[in-house]
PDB file of all heavy atoms in Angstrom:
ATOM      1  N   THR A   1      -1.193   1.494   4.643  1.00  0.00           N
ATOM      2  CA  THR A   1      -1.326   0.556   5.763  1.00  0.00           C
ATOM      3  C   THR A   1      -1.866   1.244   7.010  1.00  0.00           C
ATOM      4  O   THR A   1      -2.567   0.618   7.814  1.00  0.00           O
ATOM      5  CB  THR A   1       0.010  -0.136   6.075  1.00  0.00           C
ATOM      6  OG1 THR A   1       1.006   0.854   6.379  1.00  0.00           O
ATOM      7  CG2 THR A   1       0.485  -0.955   4.892  1.00  0.00           C
ATOM      8  N   ALA A   2      -1.565   2.532   7.171  1.00  0.00           N
ATOM      9  CA  ALA A   2      -2.118   3.275   8.307  1.00  0.00           C
ATOM     10  C   ALA A   2      -3.627   3.375   8.194  1.00  0.00           C
ATOM     11  O   ALA A   2      -4.343   3.269   9.195  1.00  0.00           O
ATOM     12  CB  ALA A   2      -1.502   4.667   8.380  1.00  0.00           C
ATOM     13  N   ALA A   3      -4.123   3.575   6.977  1.00  0.00           N
ATOM     14  CA  ALA A   3      -5.568   3.628   6.770  1.00  0.00           C
ATOM     15  C   ALA A   3      -6.219   2.297   7.127  1.00  0.00           C
ATOM     16  O   ALA A   3      -7.275   2.255   7.763  1.00  0.00           O
ATOM     17  CB  ALA A   3      -5.873   4.003   5.325  1.00  0.00           C
ATOM     18  N   VAL A   4      -5.573   1.212   6.729  1.00  0.00           N
ATOM     19  CA  VAL A   4      -6.107  -0.120   7.045  1.00  0.00           C
ATOM     20  C   VAL A   4      -6.168  -0.326   8.554  1.00  0.00           C
ATOM     21  O   VAL A   4      -7.153  -0.847   9.093  1.00  0.00           O
ATOM     22  CB  VAL A   4      -5.263  -1.214   6.368  1.00  0.00           C
ATOM     23  CG1 VAL A   4      -5.678  -2.596   6.856  1.00  0.00           C
ATOM     24  CG2 VAL A   4      -5.392  -1.131   4.853  1.00  0.00           C
ATOM     25  N   ARG A   5      -5.129   0.108   9.248  1.00  0.00           N
ATOM     26  CA  ARG A   5      -5.123  -0.026  10.718  1.00  0.00           C
ATOM     27  C   ARG A   5      -6.240   0.782  11.360  1.00  0.00           C
ATOM     28  O   ARG A   5      -6.721   0.444  12.446  1.00  0.00           O
ATOM     29  CB  ARG A   5      -3.764   0.406  11.280  1.00  0.00           C
ATOM     30  CG  ARG A   5      -2.636  -0.584  11.019  1.00  0.00           C
ATOM     31  CD  ARG A   5      -1.444  -0.298  11.910  1.00  0.00           C
ATOM     32  NE  ARG A   5      -0.873   1.020  11.659  1.00  0.00           N
ATOM     33  CZ  ARG A   5       0.065   1.271  10.756  1.00  0.00           C
ATOM     34  NH1 ARG A   5       0.548   0.279  10.003  1.00  0.00           N
ATOM     35  NH2 ARG A   5       0.543   2.478  10.594  1.00  0.00           N
ATOM     36  N   ALA A   6      -6.660   1.850  10.676  1.00  0.00           N
ATOM     37  CA  ALA A   6      -7.740   2.692  11.198  1.00  0.00           C
ATOM     38  C   ALA A   6      -9.115   2.172  10.803  1.00  0.00           C
ATOM     39  O   ALA A   6     -10.125   2.792  11.139  1.00  0.00           O
ATOM     40  CB  ALA A   6      -7.558   4.127  10.704  1.00  0.00           C
ATOM     41  N   GLY A   7      -9.155   1.058  10.072  1.00  0.00           N
ATOM     42  CA  GLY A   7     -10.426   0.471   9.694  1.00  0.00           C
ATOM     43  C   GLY A   7     -10.913   0.835   8.315  1.00  0.00           C
ATOM     44  O   GLY A   7     -12.009   0.424   7.908  1.00  0.00           O
ATOM     45  N   LEU A   8     -10.106   1.596   7.556  1.00  0.00           N
ATOM     46  CA  LEU A   8     -10.458   1.958   6.193  1.00  0.00           C
ATOM     47  C   LEU A   8      -9.861   0.930   5.233  1.00  0.00           C
ATOM     48  O   LEU A   8      -9.107   0.038   5.632  1.00  0.00           O
ATOM     49  CB  LEU A   8      -9.919   3.351   5.830  1.00  0.00           C
ATOM     50  CG  LEU A   8     -10.544   4.581   6.472  1.00  0.00           C
ATOM     51  CD1 LEU A   8     -10.175   4.697   7.946  1.00  0.00           C
ATOM     52  CD2 LEU A   8     -10.119   5.854   5.728  1.00  0.00           C
ATOM     53  N   ARG A   9     -10.158   1.076   3.977  1.00  0.00           N
ATOM     54  CA  ARG A   9      -9.440   0.358   2.937  1.00  0.00           C
ATOM     55  C   ARG A   9      -8.310   1.256   2.459  1.00  0.00           C
ATOM     56  O   ARG A   9      -8.479   2.470   2.347  1.00  0.00           O
ATOM     57  CB  ARG A   9     -10.368   0.020   1.774  1.00  0.00           C
ATOM     58  CG  ARG A   9     -11.521  -0.899   2.153  1.00  0.00           C
ATOM     59  CD  ARG A   9     -12.562  -0.946   1.072  1.00  0.00           C
ATOM     60  NE  ARG A   9     -13.633  -1.887   1.377  1.00  0.00           N
ATOM     61  CZ  ARG A   9     -14.739  -2.016   0.653  1.00  0.00           C
ATOM     62  NH1 ARG A   9     -14.926  -1.258  -0.422  1.00  0.00           N
ATOM     63  NH2 ARG A   9     -15.664  -2.893   0.994  1.00  0.00           N
ATOM     64  N   GLY A  10      -7.172   0.661   2.172  1.00  0.00           N
ATOM     65  CA  GLY A  10      -6.020   1.449   1.759  1.00  0.00           C
ATOM     66  C   GLY A  10      -5.520   1.044   0.389  1.00  0.00           C
ATOM     67  O   GLY A  10      -5.524  -0.143   0.042  1.00  0.00           O
ATOM     68  N   VAL A  11      -5.090   2.024  -0.400  1.00  0.00           N
ATOM     69  CA  VAL A  11      -4.445   1.783  -1.694  1.00  0.00           C
ATOM     70  C   VAL A  11      -3.147   2.574  -1.716  1.00  0.00           C
ATOM     71  O   VAL A  11      -3.132   3.777  -1.409  1.00  0.00           O
ATOM     72  CB  VAL A  11      -5.350   2.214  -2.860  1.00  0.00           C
ATOM     73  CG1 VAL A  11      -4.582   2.141  -4.187  1.00  0.00           C
ATOM     74  CG2 VAL A  11      -6.593   1.336  -2.935  1.00  0.00           C
ATOM     75  N   TRP A  12      -2.074   1.895  -2.077  1.00  0.00           N
ATOM     76  CA  TRP A  12      -0.774   2.549  -2.188  1.00  0.00           C
ATOM     77  C   TRP A  12      -0.580   3.027  -3.620  1.00  0.00           C
ATOM     78  O   TRP A  12      -0.589   2.223  -4.550  1.00  0.00           O
ATOM     79  CB  TRP A  12       0.326   1.576  -1.790  1.00  0.00           C
ATOM     80  CG  TRP A  12       1.724   2.138  -1.890  1.00  0.00           C
ATOM     81  CD1 TRP A  12       2.091   3.453  -1.833  1.00  0.00           C
ATOM     82  CD2 TRP A  12       2.942   1.401  -2.054  1.00  0.00           C
ATOM     83  NE1 TRP A  12       3.455   3.592  -1.937  1.00  0.00           N
ATOM     84  CE2 TRP A  12       3.996   2.343  -2.080  1.00  0.00           C
ATOM     85  CE3 TRP A  12       3.218   0.040  -2.166  1.00  0.00           C
ATOM     86  CZ2 TRP A  12       5.322   1.948  -2.236  1.00  0.00           C
ATOM     87  CZ3 TRP A  12       4.545  -0.354  -2.319  1.00  0.00           C
ATOM     88  CH2 TRP A  12       5.581   0.593  -2.346  1.00  0.00           C
ATOM     89  N   LEU A  13      -0.399   4.332  -3.789  1.00  0.00           N
ATOM     90  CA  LEU A  13      -0.082   4.920  -5.086  1.00  0.00           C
ATOM     91  C   LEU A  13       1.431   5.016  -5.193  1.00  0.00           C
ATOM     92  O   LEU A  13       2.060   5.901  -4.613  1.00  0.00           O
ATOM     93  CB  LEU A  13      -0.722   6.312  -5.210  1.00  0.00           C
ATOM     94  CG  LEU A  13      -0.333   7.138  -6.434  1.00  0.00           C
ATOM     95  CD1 LEU A  13      -0.734   6.428  -7.724  1.00  0.00           C
ATOM     96  CD2 LEU A  13      -0.959   8.522  -6.374  1.00  0.00           C
ATOM     97  N   ASP A  14       2.031   4.097  -5.910  1.00  0.00           N
ATOM     98  CA  ASP A  14       3.493   4.029  -6.048  1.00  0.00           C
ATOM     99  C   ASP A  14       3.868   4.520  -7.442  1.00  0.00           C
ATOM    100  O   ASP A  14       3.830   3.773  -8.408  1.00  0.00           O
ATOM    101  CB  ASP A  14       3.961   2.597  -5.824  1.00  0.00           C
ATOM    102  CG  ASP A  14       5.471   2.454  -5.943  1.00  0.00           C
ATOM    103  OD1 ASP A  14       6.163   3.502  -5.973  1.00  0.00           O
ATOM    104  OD2 ASP A  14       5.957   1.329  -6.014  1.00  0.00           O
ATOM    105  N   ARG A  15       4.234   5.791  -7.529  1.00  0.00           N
ATOM    106  CA  ARG A  15       4.564   6.406  -8.814  1.00  0.00           C
ATOM    107  C   ARG A  15       6.014   6.163  -9.231  1.00  0.00           C
ATOM    108  O   ARG A  15       6.445   6.658 -10.268  1.00  0.00           O
ATOM    109  CB  ARG A  15       4.316   7.918  -8.757  1.00  0.00           C
ATOM    110  CG  ARG A  15       2.842   8.318  -8.595  1.00  0.00           C
ATOM    111  CD  ARG A  15       2.708   9.830  -8.677  1.00  0.00           C
ATOM    112  NE  ARG A  15       1.333  10.309  -8.532  1.00  0.00           N
ATOM    113  CZ  ARG A  15       0.461  10.393  -9.520  1.00  0.00           C
ATOM    114  NH1 ARG A  15       0.819  10.019 -10.745  1.00  0.00           N
ATOM    115  NH2 ARG A  15      -0.763  10.854  -9.307  1.00  0.00           N
ATOM    116  N   SER A  16       6.771   5.421  -8.452  1.00  0.00           N
ATOM    117  CA  SER A  16       8.211   5.278  -8.697  1.00  0.00           C
ATOM    118  C   SER A  16       8.530   4.497  -9.961  1.00  0.00           C
ATOM    119  O   SER A  16       9.607   4.661 -10.545  1.00  0.00           O
ATOM    120  CB  SER A  16       8.877   4.599  -7.503  1.00  0.00           C
ATOM    121  OG  SER A  16       8.475   3.242  -7.410  1.00  0.00           O
ATOM    122  N   GLY A  17       7.628   3.617 -10.373  1.00  0.00           N
ATOM    123  CA  GLY A  17       7.928   2.769 -11.525  1.00  0.00           C
ATOM    124  C   GLY A  17       8.857   1.626 -11.191  1.00  0.00           C
ATOM    125  O   GLY A  17       9.242   0.839 -12.067  1.00  0.00           O
ATOM    126  N   VAL A  18       9.226   1.501  -9.925  1.00  0.00           N
ATOM    127  CA  VAL A  18      10.124   0.432  -9.464  1.00  0.00           C
ATOM    128  C   VAL A  18       9.282  -0.623  -8.757  1.00  0.00           C
ATOM    129  O   VAL A  18       8.401  -0.282  -7.963  1.00  0.00           O
ATOM    130  CB  VAL A  18      11.183   0.998  -8.496  1.00  0.00           C
ATOM    131  CG1 VAL A  18      12.077  -0.121  -7.985  1.00  0.00           C
ATOM    132  CG2 VAL A  18      11.993   2.083  -9.183  1.00  0.00           C
ATOM    133  N   PRO A  19       9.513  -1.909  -9.033  1.00  0.00           N
ATOM    134  CA  PRO A  19       8.747  -2.951  -8.336  1.00  0.00           C
ATOM    135  C   PRO A  19       8.823  -2.791  -6.830  1.00  0.00           C
ATOM    136  O   PRO A  19       9.871  -2.418  -6.281  1.00  0.00           O
ATOM    137  CB  PRO A  19       9.429  -4.247  -8.803  1.00  0.00           C
ATOM    138  CG  PRO A  19      10.036  -3.901 -10.129  1.00  0.00           C
ATOM    139  CD  PRO A  19      10.476  -2.465 -10.010  1.00  0.00           C
ATOM    140  N   ALA A  20       7.725  -3.050  -6.157  1.00  0.00           N
ATOM    141  CA  ALA A  20       7.674  -2.917  -4.700  1.00  0.00           C
ATOM    142  C   ALA A  20       8.772  -3.763  -4.060  1.00  0.00           C
ATOM    143  O   ALA A  20       8.962  -4.916  -4.426  1.00  0.00           O
ATOM    144  CB  ALA A  20       6.303  -3.334  -4.178  1.00  0.00           C
ATOM    145  N   PRO A  21       9.509  -3.205  -3.088  1.00  0.00           N
ATOM    146  CA  PRO A  21      10.628  -3.936  -2.477  1.00  0.00           C
ATOM    147  C   PRO A  21      10.188  -5.090  -1.598  1.00  0.00           C
ATOM    148  O   PRO A  21      10.979  -5.921  -1.227  1.00  0.00           O
ATOM    149  CB  PRO A  21      11.321  -2.848  -1.647  1.00  0.00           C
ATOM    150  CG  PRO A  21      10.223  -1.871  -1.323  1.00  0.00           C
ATOM    151  CD  PRO A  21       9.342  -1.854  -2.546  1.00  0.00           C
ATOM    152  N   ARG A  22       8.916  -5.114  -1.238  1.00  0.00           N
ATOM    153  CA  ARG A  22       8.442  -6.197  -0.375  1.00  0.00           C
ATOM    154  C   ARG A  22       6.970  -6.448  -0.671  1.00  0.00           C
ATOM    155  O   ARG A  22       6.289  -5.617  -1.254  1.00  0.00           O
ATOM    156  CB  ARG A  22       8.629  -5.829   1.094  1.00  0.00           C
ATOM    157  CG  ARG A  22       7.924  -4.531   1.483  1.00  0.00           C
ATOM    158  CD  ARG A  22       8.292  -4.141   2.900  1.00  0.00           C
ATOM    159  NE  ARG A  22       7.653  -2.925   3.334  1.00  0.00           N
ATOM    160  CZ  ARG A  22       8.095  -1.720   3.056  1.00  0.00           C
ATOM    161  NH1 ARG A  22       9.181  -1.585   2.320  1.00  0.00           N
ATOM    162  NH2 ARG A  22       7.473  -0.649   3.509  1.00  0.00           N
ATOM    163  N   GLN A  23       6.488  -7.590  -0.246  1.00  0.00           N
ATOM    164  CA  GLN A  23       5.077  -7.898  -0.403  1.00  0.00           C
ATOM    165  C   GLN A  23       4.249  -6.945   0.449  1.00  0.00           C
ATOM    166  O   GLN A  23       4.629  -6.589   1.560  1.00  0.00           O
ATOM    167  CB  GLN A  23       4.811  -9.341   0.018  1.00  0.00           C
ATOM    168  CG  GLN A  23       5.455 -10.373  -0.891  1.00  0.00           C
ATOM    169  CD  GLN A  23       4.857 -10.354  -2.291  1.00  0.00           C
ATOM    170  OE1 GLN A  23       3.660 -10.197  -2.457  1.00  0.00           O
ATOM    171  NE2 GLN A  23       5.700 -10.506  -3.291  1.00  0.00           N
ATOM    172  N   THR A  24       3.128  -6.526  -0.082  1.00  0.00           N
ATOM    173  CA  THR A  24       2.247  -5.644   0.666  1.00  0.00           C
ATOM    174  C   THR A  24       0.873  -6.294   0.785  1.00  0.00           C
ATOM    175  O   THR A  24       0.493  -7.137  -0.029  1.00  0.00           O
ATOM    176  CB  THR A  24       2.085  -4.286  -0.032  1.00  0.00           C
ATOM    177  OG1 THR A  24       1.382  -4.474  -1.270  1.00  0.00           O
ATOM    178  CG2 THR A  24       3.435  -3.655  -0.310  1.00  0.00           C
ATOM    179  N   ASP A  25       0.157  -5.895   1.814  1.00  0.00           N
ATOM    180  CA  ASP A  25      -1.186  -6.423   2.040  1.00  0.00           C
ATOM    181  C   ASP A  25      -2.253  -5.488   1.497  1.00  0.00           C
ATOM    182  O   ASP A  25      -3.434  -5.685   1.746  1.00  0.00           O
ATOM    183  CB  ASP A  25      -1.417  -6.647   3.540  1.00  0.00           C
ATOM    184  CG  ASP A  25      -0.509  -7.728   4.110  1.00  0.00           C
ATOM    185  OD1 ASP A  25      -0.197  -8.671   3.364  1.00  0.00           O
ATOM    186  OD2 ASP A  25      -0.104  -7.610   5.281  1.00  0.00           O
ATOM    187  N   VAL A  26      -1.834  -4.449   0.772  1.00  0.00           N
ATOM    188  CA  VAL A  26      -2.791  -3.497   0.211  1.00  0.00           C
ATOM    189  C   VAL A  26      -2.614  -3.452  -1.304  1.00  0.00           C
ATOM    190  O   VAL A  26      -1.538  -3.747  -1.829  1.00  0.00           O
ATOM    191  CB  VAL A  26      -2.592  -2.083   0.800  1.00  0.00           C
ATOM    192  CG1 VAL A  26      -2.843  -2.084   2.293  1.00  0.00           C
ATOM    193  CG2 VAL A  26      -1.197  -1.552   0.486  1.00  0.00           C
ATOM    194  N   PRO A  27      -3.663  -3.090  -2.042  1.00  0.00           N
ATOM    195  CA  PRO A  27      -3.531  -2.943  -3.491  1.00  0.00           C
ATOM    196  C   PRO A  27      -2.535  -1.832  -3.830  1.00  0.00           C
ATOM    197  O   PRO A  27      -2.407  -0.853  -3.091  1.00  0.00           O
ATOM    198  CB  PRO A  27      -4.945  -2.568  -3.936  1.00  0.00           C
ATOM    199  CG  PRO A  27      -5.839  -2.997  -2.824  1.00  0.00           C
ATOM    200  CD  PRO A  27      -5.043  -2.858  -1.578  1.00  0.00           C
TER     201      PRO A  27
END
């Protein structure tokens, strides 16, 4: 999300294997 705020595209690499705890606006 910090990258998105800076004008880039952002992707979250979530290696936890646990469903995201909240909705996100990034892939």
